[in-house]
């Protein structure tokens, strides 16, 4: 199983970015699809996630600004980020859990300038 994240870049505060994460391989069932981020010197934190029932969960710091979505036909999960702030600067990782294993993408860097 492989996850490939893309879409990061440099954006000014107040701007928007959309991250994508495509997965491939034998995934028979998905428990969790999620986006995490890790800022320099900080622990990795969950940003947004789908659970097995399709419900979404967001970190308080991104509620109302970020939206997680998925396209099962394309095996892709997205993170639409709006009203970006400098404190959103981090490496963003996608995660897939199939009830047995956590799979991680390679990370994509988002830098928000003030």
Protein backbone atom coordinates (compact mmCIF):
# COMPACT_ATOMS: atom_id res chain seq x y z
CA UNK A 1 0.00 0.00 0.00
CA UNK A 2 1.30 3.43 -0.92
CA UNK A 3 0.01 6.91 -0.23
CA UNK A 4 1.18 9.84 -2.33
CA UNK A 5 0.51 13.33 -1.01
CA UNK A 6 0.74 16.47 -3.09
CA UNK A 7 -0.41 20.06 -3.26
CA UNK A 8 1.74 21.79 -0.70
CA UNK A 9 3.50 25.04 -1.35
CA UNK A 10 4.04 28.62 -0.29
CA UNK A 11 0.98 30.80 0.21
CA UNK A 12 0.29 34.15 1.82
CA UNK A 13 -1.79 34.41 4.95
CA UNK A 14 -5.46 34.40 4.05
CA UNK A 15 -4.86 32.25 1.00
CA UNK A 16 -5.98 28.75 0.13
CA UNK A 17 -4.46 25.44 -0.84
CA UNK A 18 -5.84 22.01 -1.61
CA UNK A 19 -3.87 18.95 -0.67
CA UNK A 20 -4.43 15.59 -2.31
CA UNK A 21 -3.47 12.12 -1.23
CA UNK A 22 -3.90 9.17 -3.54
CA UNK A 23 -3.62 5.63 -2.27
CA UNK A 24 -2.86 2.44 -4.13
CA UNK A 25 -2.57 -1.22 -3.25
CA UNK A 26 -4.84 -3.80 -1.74
CA UNK A 27 -7.07 -1.99 0.69
CA UNK A 28 -10.06 -4.16 1.49
CA UNK A 29 -11.62 -1.84 3.99
CA UNK A 30 -10.82 1.57 5.38
CA UNK A 31 -11.26 2.47 9.02
CA UNK A 32 -9.80 5.97 9.04
CA UNK A 33 -8.64 8.44 6.42
CA UNK A 34 -6.94 11.41 7.94
CA UNK A 35 -4.66 14.37 7.54
CA UNK A 36 -2.03 15.15 10.16
CA UNK A 37 0.55 17.88 10.35
CA UNK A 38 3.82 18.45 12.10
CA UNK A 39 5.28 21.88 12.61
CA UNK A 40 8.97 22.38 13.43
CA UNK A 41 9.67 21.44 17.02
CA UNK A 42 6.14 20.19 17.63
CA UNK A 43 4.42 16.83 17.78
CA UNK A 44 2.40 15.52 14.91
CA UNK A 45 -1.28 16.38 15.33
CA UNK A 46 -4.47 15.26 13.68
CA UNK A 47 -5.99 17.96 11.49
CA UNK A 48 -9.01 16.27 9.92
CA UNK A 49 -10.30 12.75 9.56
CA UNK A 50 -13.02 10.48 8.24
CA UNK A 51 -14.02 7.60 10.44
CA UNK A 52 -15.39 4.28 9.22
CA UNK A 53 -18.94 5.62 9.18
CA UNK A 54 -17.96 8.56 7.02
CA UNK A 55 -18.24 11.14 9.78
CA UNK A 56 -15.64 13.86 9.92
CA UNK A 57 -13.62 15.23 12.79
CA UNK A 58 -11.50 18.37 12.85
CA UNK A 59 -8.93 19.89 15.15
CA UNK A 60 -10.37 22.94 16.87
CA UNK A 61 -7.68 25.11 15.32
CA UNK A 62 -8.91 24.41 11.77
CA UNK A 63 -12.68 24.12 12.21
CA UNK A 64 -14.49 26.32 9.74
CA UNK A 65 -11.36 26.80 7.61
CA UNK A 66 -10.37 23.29 6.48
CA UNK A 67 -12.53 20.67 4.80
CA UNK A 68 -11.69 17.02 4.28
CA UNK A 69 -13.29 15.21 1.37
CA UNK A 70 -12.75 12.03 -0.58
CA UNK A 71 -13.28 10.55 -4.00
CA UNK A 72 -13.47 6.79 -3.65
CA UNK A 73 -13.48 6.29 -7.40
CA UNK A 74 -10.08 7.96 -7.55
CA UNK A 75 -8.80 6.54 -4.25
CA UNK A 76 -8.04 10.07 -3.18
CA UNK A 77 -8.60 12.13 -0.06
CA UNK A 78 -8.39 15.91 -0.13
CA UNK A 79 -7.82 18.68 2.36
CA UNK A 80 -9.16 22.05 1.27
CA UNK A 81 -7.50 24.74 3.37
CA UNK A 82 -8.79 28.30 3.39
CA UNK A 83 -8.02 31.42 5.42
CA UNK A 84 -4.57 30.05 6.02
CA UNK A 85 -2.54 31.42 8.90
CA UNK A 86 1.21 31.39 9.53
CA UNK A 87 0.61 28.90 12.34
CA UNK A 88 -0.70 26.44 9.74
CA UNK A 89 2.85 26.11 8.45
CA UNK A 90 3.82 22.45 8.73
CA UNK A 91 4.49 19.25 6.86
CA UNK A 92 1.12 17.66 6.17
CA UNK A 93 0.77 13.89 6.11
CA UNK A 94 -2.10 11.71 4.99
CA UNK A 95 -2.91 8.55 6.91
CA UNK A 96 -4.96 5.48 6.09
CA UNK A 97 -5.90 2.85 8.66
CA UNK A 98 -7.38 -0.44 7.46
CA UNK A 99 -8.23 -1.78 10.93
CA UNK A 100 -4.82 -3.40 11.12
CA UNK A 101 -2.10 -1.06 9.96
CA UNK A 102 -1.49 2.68 9.74
CA UNK A 103 -0.16 3.73 6.37
CA UNK A 104 1.39 7.16 5.89
CA UNK A 105 2.13 9.35 2.94
CA UNK A 106 5.48 11.02 2.55
CA UNK A 107 4.34 14.47 3.63
CA UNK A 108 3.92 17.71 1.76
CA UNK A 109 5.18 21.05 3.05
CA UNK A 110 2.79 23.96 3.50
CA UNK A 111 4.35 27.33 4.26
CA UNK A 112 2.14 30.29 5.07
CA UNK A 113 3.83 33.67 4.99
CA UNK A 114 2.59 36.63 7.00
